[in-house]
Amino acid sequence: MSASKNVSIIDISSPQVRAARALLGWTLDRLEAATGLPKRTLTRFENESTAPRASTIAIIRGALEAAGVEFIAENGGGPGVRLRKAQIPQTESSP
């Protein structure tokens, strides 16, 4: 497989991943544990020194989303991240 086939449409960027980690208070070690990916792979992606495979990005995105991050697509204001609004359990009110 050629290098160009390894690079597909990347739907999250390195800055978004760094911001997501910051919002969660995660270190690279924590992201490594959550994804099962080597720390050097994560570092290279965050430093923009390599373009990872789409499957690698999907793993990173999945781990961060499972932890509560929402990725915001480019919509005129630029791509971004935010934490999902906490779900407050519904309780039955007493009459």
Protein backbone atom coordinates (compact mmCIF):
# COMPACT_ATOMS: atom_id res chain seq x y z
CA MET A 1 0.00 0.00 0.00
CA SER A 2 1.43 3.35 -0.92
CA ALA A 3 1.79 6.14 1.61
CA SER A 4 -0.87 8.17 -0.14
CA LYS A 5 -3.40 5.40 0.45
CA ASN A 6 -2.61 5.45 4.18
CA VAL A 7 -3.72 9.05 4.39
CA SER A 8 -7.45 9.40 4.08
CA ILE A 9 -9.70 12.26 5.02
CA ILE A 10 -8.61 13.05 8.55
CA ASP A 11 -11.62 14.16 10.48
CA ILE A 12 -9.74 15.21 13.60
CA SER A 13 -6.54 17.20 13.79
CA SER A 14 -3.49 17.10 16.02
CA PRO A 15 -4.47 20.34 17.78
CA GLN A 16 -7.92 18.89 18.48
CA VAL A 17 -6.39 15.81 20.09
CA ARG A 18 -4.08 17.93 22.24
CA ALA A 19 -7.04 20.10 23.27
CA ALA A 20 -9.16 17.04 24.03
CA ARG A 21 -6.44 15.63 26.27
CA ALA A 22 -6.18 18.96 28.05
CA LEU A 23 -9.94 19.09 28.65
CA LEU A 24 -9.83 15.59 30.13
CA GLY A 25 -6.62 16.20 32.04
CA TRP A 26 -5.06 13.22 30.27
CA THR A 27 -1.36 12.66 29.77
CA LEU A 28 0.01 10.89 26.74
CA ASP A 29 0.43 7.85 28.99
CA ARG A 30 -3.31 7.91 29.76
CA LEU A 31 -4.17 8.18 26.05
CA GLU A 32 -1.77 5.33 25.35
CA ALA A 33 -3.56 3.19 27.93
CA ALA A 34 -6.98 4.10 26.54
CA THR A 35 -6.07 3.40 22.91
CA GLY A 36 -3.51 0.62 23.13
CA LEU A 37 -1.40 2.57 20.64
CA PRO A 38 2.32 3.11 21.18
CA LYS A 39 3.19 6.42 22.82
CA ARG A 40 5.55 7.25 19.96
CA THR A 41 2.66 6.95 17.48
CA LEU A 42 0.58 9.35 19.55
CA THR A 43 3.49 11.76 19.94
CA ARG A 44 4.22 11.77 16.21
CA PHE A 45 0.58 12.51 15.43
CA GLU A 46 0.33 15.30 18.01
CA ASN A 47 3.61 16.82 16.80
CA GLU A 48 2.39 16.55 13.20
CA SER A 49 5.56 14.73 12.19
CA THR A 50 3.61 11.90 10.52
CA ALA A 51 0.16 11.39 9.08
CA PRO A 52 -1.31 8.30 10.74
CA ARG A 53 -3.58 5.77 9.11
CA ALA A 54 -7.31 6.36 9.23
CA SER A 55 -7.64 3.33 11.53
CA THR A 56 -5.22 4.92 14.03
CA ILE A 57 -7.18 8.15 14.03
CA ALA A 58 -10.41 6.20 14.52
CA ILE A 59 -8.94 4.52 17.61
CA ILE A 60 -7.79 7.85 19.07
CA ARG A 61 -11.12 9.49 18.33
CA GLY A 62 -13.06 6.57 19.79
CA ALA A 63 -11.13 6.64 23.06
CA LEU A 64 -11.52 10.38 23.49
CA GLU A 65 -15.21 10.32 22.62
CA ALA A 66 -15.79 7.46 25.07
CA ALA A 67 -14.23 9.69 27.73
CA GLY A 68 -16.71 12.48 26.98
CA VAL A 69 -15.11 14.60 24.27
CA GLU A 70 -17.08 15.89 21.31
CA PHE A 71 -15.21 16.90 18.19
CA ILE A 72 -16.61 19.96 16.44
CA ALA A 73 -16.19 20.07 12.68
CA GLU A 74 -15.06 23.08 10.70
CA ASN A 75 -18.13 25.29 10.46
CA GLY A 76 -16.76 28.69 9.62
CA GLY A 77 -15.31 29.19 13.10
CA GLY A 78 -12.72 26.43 12.84
CA PRO A 79 -12.65 22.89 14.21
CA GLY A 80 -12.69 22.39 17.94
CA VAL A 81 -13.50 20.17 20.90
CA ARG A 82 -15.74 20.31 23.92
CA LEU A 83 -16.85 18.06 26.71
CA ARG A 84 -20.26 16.48 26.42
CA LYS A 85 -22.83 17.93 28.73
CA ALA A 86 -23.17 15.68 31.75
CA GLN A 87 -26.33 13.67 31.77
CA ILE A 88 -28.31 14.30 34.93
CA PRO A 89 -30.24 11.20 35.96
CA GLN A 90 -33.97 11.65 35.87
CA THR A 91 -35.59 11.13 39.26
CA GLU A 92 -39.22 10.66 39.91
CA SER A 93 -40.68 13.52 41.85
CA SER A 94 -42.71 12.71 44.91
CA PRO A 95 -46.27 14.03 44.94
